[in-house]
PDB file of N, CA and C in Angstrom:
ATOM      1  N   MET A   1      15.732  -7.117 -11.487  1.00  0.00           N
ATOM      2  CA  MET A   1      14.517  -6.597 -12.040  1.00  0.00           C
ATOM      3  C   MET A   1      14.107  -7.450 -13.232  1.00  0.00           C
ATOM      4  N   PRO A   2      12.897  -7.987 -13.244  1.00  0.00           N
ATOM      5  CA  PRO A   2      12.445  -8.789 -14.380  1.00  0.00           C
ATOM      6  C   PRO A   2      12.404  -7.960 -15.661  1.00  0.00           C
ATOM      7  N   GLN A   3      12.758  -8.595 -16.743  1.00  0.00           N
ATOM      8  CA  GLN A   3      12.711  -7.949 -18.052  1.00  0.00           C
ATOM      9  C   GLN A   3      11.646  -8.623 -18.894  1.00  0.00           C
ATOM     10  N   GLY A   4      10.900  -7.844 -19.655  1.00  0.00           N
ATOM     11  CA  GLY A   4       9.851  -8.392 -20.508  1.00  0.00           C
ATOM     12  C   GLY A   4      10.397  -8.790 -21.866  1.00  0.00           C
ATOM     13  N   ARG A   5      10.994  -9.960 -21.957  1.00  0.00           N
ATOM     14  CA  ARG A   5      11.556 -10.430 -23.233  1.00  0.00           C
ATOM     15  C   ARG A   5      10.566 -11.377 -23.890  1.00  0.00           C
ATOM     16  N   THR A   6       9.469 -10.815 -24.302  1.00  0.00           N
ATOM     17  CA  THR A   6       8.393 -11.575 -24.917  1.00  0.00           C
ATOM     18  C   THR A   6       7.581 -10.638 -25.796  1.00  0.00           C
ATOM     19  N   LEU A   7       6.636 -11.184 -26.520  1.00  0.00           N
ATOM     20  CA  LEU A   7       5.744 -10.351 -27.312  1.00  0.00           C
ATOM     21  C   LEU A   7       4.994  -9.416 -26.367  1.00  0.00           C
ATOM     22  N   GLY A   8       5.109  -8.150 -26.560  1.00  0.00           N
ATOM     23  CA  GLY A   8       4.494  -7.180 -25.662  1.00  0.00           C
ATOM     24  C   GLY A   8       5.518  -6.474 -24.795  1.00  0.00           C
ATOM     25  N   GLY A   9       6.723  -7.027 -24.727  1.00  0.00           N
ATOM     26  CA  GLY A   9       7.798  -6.392 -23.973  1.00  0.00           C
ATOM     27  C   GLY A   9       7.511  -6.276 -22.488  1.00  0.00           C
ATOM     28  N   GLY A  10       7.981  -5.183 -21.892  1.00  0.00           N
ATOM     29  CA  GLY A  10       7.865  -4.981 -20.450  1.00  0.00           C
ATOM     30  C   GLY A  10       6.445  -4.929 -19.941  1.00  0.00           C
ATOM     31  N   SER A  11       5.497  -4.556 -20.792  1.00  0.00           N
ATOM     32  CA  SER A  11       4.108  -4.500 -20.325  1.00  0.00           C
ATOM     33  C   SER A  11       3.520  -5.895 -20.143  1.00  0.00           C
ATOM     34  N   SER A  12       4.247  -6.934 -20.569  1.00  0.00           N
ATOM     35  CA  SER A  12       3.775  -8.308 -20.371  1.00  0.00           C
ATOM     36  C   SER A  12       4.107  -8.823 -18.978  1.00  0.00           C
ATOM     37  N   VAL A  13       5.001  -8.146 -18.276  1.00  0.00           N
ATOM     38  CA  VAL A  13       5.390  -8.544 -16.924  1.00  0.00           C
ATOM     39  C   VAL A  13       4.777  -7.536 -15.967  1.00  0.00           C
ATOM     40  N   ASN A  14       3.720  -7.928 -15.301  1.00  0.00           N
ATOM     41  CA  ASN A  14       3.010  -7.009 -14.418  1.00  0.00           C
ATOM     42  C   ASN A  14       2.929  -7.594 -13.020  1.00  0.00           C
ATOM     43  N   GLY A  15       2.962  -6.749 -12.054  1.00  0.00           N
ATOM     44  CA  GLY A  15       2.769  -7.155 -10.677  1.00  0.00           C
ATOM     45  C   GLY A  15       2.095  -6.015  -9.942  1.00  0.00           C
ATOM     46  N   MET A  16       1.366  -6.347  -8.921  1.00  0.00           N
ATOM     47  CA  MET A  16       0.710  -5.308  -8.121  1.00  0.00           C
ATOM     48  C   MET A  16       1.323  -5.339  -6.732  1.00  0.00           C
ATOM     49  N   ILE A  17       1.495  -4.162  -6.162  1.00  0.00           N
ATOM     50  CA  ILE A  17       2.072  -4.071  -4.830  1.00  0.00           C
ATOM     51  C   ILE A  17       1.309  -3.010  -4.048  1.00  0.00           C
ATOM     52  N   TYR A  18       1.143  -3.264  -2.773  1.00  0.00           N
ATOM     53  CA  TYR A  18       0.485  -2.306  -1.886  1.00  0.00           C
ATOM     54  C   TYR A  18       1.503  -1.908  -0.835  1.00  0.00           C
ATOM     55  N   ILE A  19       1.756  -0.627  -0.740  1.00  0.00           N
ATOM     56  CA  ILE A  19       2.707  -0.147   0.254  1.00  0.00           C
ATOM     57  C   ILE A  19       2.298   1.260   0.672  1.00  0.00           C
ATOM     58  N   ARG A  20       2.433   1.524   1.936  1.00  0.00           N
ATOM     59  CA  ARG A  20       2.154   2.865   2.468  1.00  0.00           C
ATOM     60  C   ARG A  20       3.471   3.591   2.667  1.00  0.00           C
ATOM     61  N   GLY A  21       3.369   4.905   2.758  1.00  0.00           N
ATOM     62  CA  GLY A  21       4.550   5.676   3.102  1.00  0.00           C
ATOM     63  C   GLY A  21       4.890   5.514   4.578  1.00  0.00           C
ATOM     64  N   GLN A  22       6.055   5.959   4.958  1.00  0.00           N
ATOM     65  CA  GLN A  22       6.466   5.951   6.355  1.00  0.00           C
ATOM     66  C   GLN A  22       5.698   7.028   7.116  1.00  0.00           C
ATOM     67  N   ALA A  23       5.428   6.771   8.375  1.00  0.00           N
ATOM     68  CA  ALA A  23       4.700   7.734   9.205  1.00  0.00           C
ATOM     69  C   ALA A  23       5.377   9.106   9.180  1.00  0.00           C
ATOM     70  N   GLU A  24       6.695   9.104   9.157  1.00  0.00           N
ATOM     71  CA  GLU A  24       7.440  10.362   9.152  1.00  0.00           C
ATOM     72  C   GLU A  24       7.151  11.187   7.896  1.00  0.00           C
ATOM     73  N   ASP A  25       6.919  10.514   6.775  1.00  0.00           N
ATOM     74  CA  ASP A  25       6.606  11.238   5.539  1.00  0.00           C
ATOM     75  C   ASP A  25       5.304  12.016   5.682  1.00  0.00           C
ATOM     76  N   TYR A  26       4.302  11.387   6.252  1.00  0.00           N
ATOM     77  CA  TYR A  26       3.008  12.055   6.438  1.00  0.00           C
ATOM     78  C   TYR A  26       3.129  13.206   7.431  1.00  0.00           C
ATOM     79  N   GLU A  27       3.945  13.019   8.447  1.00  0.00           N
ATOM     80  CA  GLU A  27       4.152  14.105   9.411  1.00  0.00           C
ATOM     81  C   GLU A  27       4.853  15.300   8.758  1.00  0.00           C
ATOM     82  N   GLU A  28       5.749  15.032   7.823  1.00  0.00           N
ATOM     83  CA  GLU A  28       6.394  16.122   7.076  1.00  0.00           C
ATOM     84  C   GLU A  28       5.372  16.884   6.245  1.00  0.00           C
ATOM     85  N   TRP A  29       4.443  16.162   5.623  1.00  0.00           N
ATOM     86  CA  TRP A  29       3.382  16.830   4.865  1.00  0.00           C
ATOM     87  C   TRP A  29       2.561  17.725   5.781  1.00  0.00           C
ATOM     88  N   LYS A  30       2.272  17.220   6.969  1.00  0.00           N
ATOM     89  CA  LYS A  30       1.480  18.005   7.929  1.00  0.00           C
ATOM     90  C   LYS A  30       2.236  19.278   8.322  1.00  0.00           C
ATOM     91  N   LYS A  31       3.529  19.132   8.583  1.00  0.00           N
ATOM     92  CA  LYS A  31       4.344  20.296   8.942  1.00  0.00           C
ATOM     93  C   LYS A  31       4.435  21.298   7.799  1.00  0.00           C
ATOM     94  N   ALA A  32       4.345  20.804   6.567  1.00  0.00           N
ATOM     95  CA  ALA A  32       4.426  21.675   5.388  1.00  0.00           C
ATOM     96  C   ALA A  32       3.114  22.393   5.102  1.00  0.00           C
ATOM     97  N   GLY A  33       2.078  22.112   5.899  1.00  0.00           N
ATOM     98  CA  GLY A  33       0.821  22.821   5.730  1.00  0.00           C
ATOM     99  C   GLY A  33      -0.375  21.970   5.363  1.00  0.00           C
ATOM    100  N   CYS A  34      -0.157  20.702   5.075  1.00  0.00           N
ATOM    101  CA  CYS A  34      -1.276  19.792   4.758  1.00  0.00           C
ATOM    102  C   CYS A  34      -1.799  19.227   6.078  1.00  0.00           C
ATOM    103  N   THR A  35      -2.571  20.025   6.781  1.00  0.00           N
ATOM    104  CA  THR A  35      -2.913  19.726   8.172  1.00  0.00           C
ATOM    105  C   THR A  35      -3.738  18.460   8.368  1.00  0.00           C
ATOM    106  N   GLN A  36      -4.412  17.980   7.347  1.00  0.00           N
ATOM    107  CA  GLN A  36      -5.212  16.756   7.470  1.00  0.00           C
ATOM    108  C   GLN A  36      -4.461  15.519   6.983  1.00  0.00           C
ATOM    109  N   TRP A  37      -3.150  15.646   6.741  1.00  0.00           N
ATOM    110  CA  TRP A  37      -2.383  14.548   6.165  1.00  0.00           C
ATOM    111  C   TRP A  37      -1.327  13.989   7.106  1.00  0.00           C
ATOM    112  N   GLY A  38      -1.441  14.237   8.405  1.00  0.00           N
ATOM    113  CA  GLY A  38      -0.525  13.621   9.363  1.00  0.00           C
ATOM    114  C   GLY A  38      -0.818  12.131   9.490  1.00  0.00           C
ATOM    115  N   TRP A  39       0.117  11.382  10.053  1.00  0.00           N
ATOM    116  CA  TRP A  39      -0.045   9.931  10.194  1.00  0.00           C
ATOM    117  C   TRP A  39      -1.320   9.571  10.946  1.00  0.00           C
ATOM    118  N   ASP A  40      -1.596  10.259  12.024  1.00  0.00           N
ATOM    119  CA  ASP A  40      -2.808   9.957  12.802  1.00  0.00           C
ATOM    120  C   ASP A  40      -4.082  10.286  12.026  1.00  0.00           C
ATOM    121  N   ASP A  41      -3.977  11.145  11.030  1.00  0.00           N
ATOM    122  CA  ASP A  41      -5.130  11.480  10.191  1.00  0.00           C
ATOM    123  C   ASP A  41      -5.371  10.435   9.109  1.00  0.00           C
ATOM    124  N   VAL A  42      -4.293   9.923   8.503  1.00  0.00           N
ATOM    125  CA  VAL A  42      -4.453   8.999   7.375  1.00  0.00           C
ATOM    126  C   VAL A  42      -4.553   7.537   7.793  1.00  0.00           C
ATOM    127  N   LEU A  43      -4.028   7.179   8.958  1.00  0.00           N
ATOM    128  CA  LEU A  43      -4.072   5.777   9.381  1.00  0.00           C
ATOM    129  C   LEU A  43      -5.492   5.219   9.437  1.00  0.00           C
ATOM    130  N   PRO A  44      -6.469   5.925   9.996  1.00  0.00           N
ATOM    131  CA  PRO A  44      -7.831   5.377   9.998  1.00  0.00           C
ATOM    132  C   PRO A  44      -8.380   5.127   8.587  1.00  0.00           C
ATOM    133  N   VAL A  45      -7.991   5.955   7.633  1.00  0.00           N
ATOM    134  CA  VAL A  45      -8.440   5.766   6.246  1.00  0.00           C
ATOM    135  C   VAL A  45      -7.796   4.515   5.662  1.00  0.00           C
ATOM    136  N   PHE A  46      -6.507   4.330   5.901  1.00  0.00           N
ATOM    137  CA  PHE A  46      -5.832   3.110   5.450  1.00  0.00           C
ATOM    138  C   PHE A  46      -6.513   1.879   6.040  1.00  0.00           C
ATOM    139  N   LYS A  47      -6.793   1.922   7.325  1.00  0.00           N
ATOM    140  CA  LYS A  47      -7.391   0.762   7.997  1.00  0.00           C
ATOM    141  C   LYS A  47      -8.785   0.453   7.464  1.00  0.00           C
ATOM    142  N   ARG A  48      -9.582   1.480   7.201  1.00  0.00           N
ATOM    143  CA  ARG A  48     -10.936   1.255   6.663  1.00  0.00           C
ATOM    144  C   ARG A  48     -10.906   0.681   5.252  1.00  0.00           C
ATOM    145  N   SER A  49      -9.883   1.031   4.492  1.00  0.00           N
ATOM    146  CA  SER A  49      -9.832   0.582   3.100  1.00  0.00           C
ATOM    147  C   SER A  49      -9.187  -0.789   2.937  1.00  0.00           C
ATOM    148  N   GLU A  50      -8.498  -1.275   3.944  1.00  0.00           N
ATOM    149  CA  GLU A  50      -7.674  -2.472   3.811  1.00  0.00           C
ATOM    150  C   GLU A  50      -8.347  -3.731   4.348  1.00  0.00           C
ATOM    151  N   CYS A  51      -8.173  -4.828   3.626  1.00  0.00           N
ATOM    152  CA  CYS A  51      -8.570  -6.158   4.102  1.00  0.00           C
ATOM    153  C   CYS A  51      -7.303  -7.004   4.123  1.00  0.00           C
ATOM    154  N   ASN A  52      -6.605  -6.977   5.244  1.00  0.00           N
ATOM    155  CA  ASN A  52      -5.328  -7.669   5.383  1.00  0.00           C
ATOM    156  C   ASN A  52      -5.468  -8.659   6.530  1.00  0.00           C
ATOM    157  N   ARG A  53      -5.782  -9.903   6.201  1.00  0.00           N
ATOM    158  CA  ARG A  53      -6.021 -10.922   7.225  1.00  0.00           C
ATOM    159  C   ARG A  53      -4.736 -11.419   7.871  1.00  0.00           C
ATOM    160  N   ARG A  54      -3.618 -11.308   7.170  1.00  0.00           N
ATOM    161  CA  ARG A  54      -2.357 -11.807   7.711  1.00  0.00           C
ATOM    162  C   ARG A  54      -1.803 -10.871   8.785  1.00  0.00           C
ATOM    163  N   LEU A  55      -1.939  -9.581   8.589  1.00  0.00           N
ATOM    164  CA  LEU A  55      -1.404  -8.610   9.538  1.00  0.00           C
ATOM    165  C   LEU A  55      -2.545  -7.947  10.295  1.00  0.00           C
ATOM    166  N   ASN A  56      -3.231  -8.705  11.095  1.00  0.00           N
ATOM    167  CA  ASN A  56      -4.360  -8.184  11.860  1.00  0.00           C
ATOM    168  C   ASN A  56      -3.828  -7.522  13.131  1.00  0.00           C
ATOM    169  N   THR A  57      -3.352  -6.300  12.982  1.00  0.00           N
ATOM    170  CA  THR A  57      -2.790  -5.544  14.097  1.00  0.00           C
ATOM    171  C   THR A  57      -3.497  -4.203  14.194  1.00  0.00           C
ATOM    172  N   THR A  58      -3.067  -3.389  15.114  1.00  0.00           N
ATOM    173  CA  THR A  58      -3.660  -2.061  15.265  1.00  0.00           C
ATOM    174  C   THR A  58      -3.309  -1.140  14.096  1.00  0.00           C
ATOM    175  N   LEU A  59      -2.385  -1.549  13.235  1.00  0.00           N
ATOM    176  CA  LEU A  59      -1.984  -0.726  12.095  1.00  0.00           C
ATOM    177  C   LEU A  59      -2.633  -1.142  10.789  1.00  0.00           C
ATOM    178  N   HIS A  60      -3.402  -2.232  10.797  1.00  0.00           N
ATOM    179  CA  HIS A  60      -3.993  -2.752   9.564  1.00  0.00           C
ATOM    180  C   HIS A  60      -5.462  -3.066   9.760  1.00  0.00           C
ATOM    181  N   GLY A  61      -6.238  -2.891   8.700  1.00  0.00           N
ATOM    182  CA  GLY A  61      -7.649  -3.239   8.717  1.00  0.00           C
ATOM    183  C   GLY A  61      -7.855  -4.650   8.197  1.00  0.00           C
ATOM    184  N   ASN A  62      -9.021  -5.221   8.487  1.00  0.00           N
ATOM    185  CA  ASN A  62      -9.273  -6.578   8.008  1.00  0.00           C
ATOM    186  C   ASN A  62     -10.654  -6.763   7.395  1.00  0.00           C
ATOM    187  N   ASP A  63     -11.368  -5.679   7.109  1.00  0.00           N
ATOM    188  CA  ASP A  63     -12.674  -5.840   6.464  1.00  0.00           C
ATOM    189  C   ASP A  63     -12.972  -4.761   5.421  1.00  0.00           C
ATOM    190  N   GLY A  64     -11.933  -4.143   4.881  1.00  0.00           N
ATOM    191  CA  GLY A  64     -12.117  -3.130   3.841  1.00  0.00           C
ATOM    192  C   GLY A  64     -12.193  -3.747   2.453  1.00  0.00           C
ATOM    193  N   PRO A  65     -12.445  -2.926   1.437  1.00  0.00           N
ATOM    194  CA  PRO A  65     -12.606  -3.432   0.074  1.00  0.00           C
ATOM    195  C   PRO A  65     -11.293  -3.777  -0.640  1.00  0.00           C
ATOM    196  N   LEU A  66     -10.157  -3.287  -0.148  1.00  0.00           N
ATOM    197  CA  LEU A  66      -8.872  -3.524  -0.796  1.00  0.00           C
ATOM    198  C   LEU A  66      -8.205  -4.743  -0.164  1.00  0.00           C
ATOM    199  N   VAL A  67      -8.254  -5.889  -0.855  1.00  0.00           N
ATOM    200  CA  VAL A  67      -7.690  -7.131  -0.322  1.00  0.00           C
ATOM    201  C   VAL A  67      -6.178  -7.108  -0.508  1.00  0.00           C
ATOM    202  N   VAL A  68      -5.457  -7.252   0.596  1.00  0.00           N
ATOM    203  CA  VAL A  68      -3.998  -7.245   0.590  1.00  0.00           C
ATOM    204  C   VAL A  68      -3.527  -8.630   1.017  1.00  0.00           C
ATOM    205  N   SER A  69      -2.664  -9.236   0.211  1.00  0.00           N
ATOM    206  CA  SER A  69      -2.162 -10.574   0.540  1.00  0.00           C
ATOM    207  C   SER A  69      -0.707 -10.688   0.113  1.00  0.00           C
ATOM    208  N   ASP A  70      -0.091 -11.787   0.507  1.00  0.00           N
ATOM    209  CA  ASP A  70       1.284 -12.044   0.100  1.00  0.00           C
ATOM    210  C   ASP A  70       1.327 -12.453  -1.364  1.00  0.00           C
ATOM    211  N   ASN A  71       2.447 -12.201  -1.994  1.00  0.00           N
ATOM    212  CA  ASN A  71       2.643 -12.614  -3.376  1.00  0.00           C
ATOM    213  C   ASN A  71       2.781 -14.136  -3.433  1.00  0.00           C
ATOM    214  N   THR A  72       1.987 -14.774  -4.268  1.00  0.00           N
ATOM    215  CA  THR A  72       2.066 -16.228  -4.406  1.00  0.00           C
ATOM    216  C   THR A  72       2.576 -16.644  -5.780  1.00  0.00           C
ATOM    217  N   HIS A  73       2.911 -15.685  -6.633  1.00  0.00           N
ATOM    218  CA  HIS A  73       3.371 -15.985  -7.990  1.00  0.00           C
ATOM    219  C   HIS A  73       4.754 -15.390  -8.215  1.00  0.00           C
ATOM    220  N   CYS A  74       5.611 -16.142  -8.860  1.00  0.00           N
ATOM    221  CA  CYS A  74       6.930 -15.628  -9.237  1.00  0.00           C
ATOM    222  C   CYS A  74       6.825 -14.903 -10.568  1.00  0.00           C
ATOM    223  N   HIS A  75       7.586 -13.829 -10.691  1.00  0.00           N
ATOM    224  CA  HIS A  75       7.642 -13.093 -11.961  1.00  0.00           C
ATOM    225  C   HIS A  75       8.953 -13.391 -12.622  1.00  0.00           C
TER     226      HIS A  75
END
């Protein structure tokens, strides 16, 4: 884990990451009563919001406002 040993401390070391939960997690929410939160319910929303040109599959979108790319910088 990177440590912020500089002026500003840990807040000087920042990174952004995009990750979704596992399909099973959303299905558990649905079983718990959140009927609109199953995997089949949230996947279309993820796809509409995502612009992921590298993973152009049935599970990822490629023209949404949230640009997702590989990390090109070392921390």
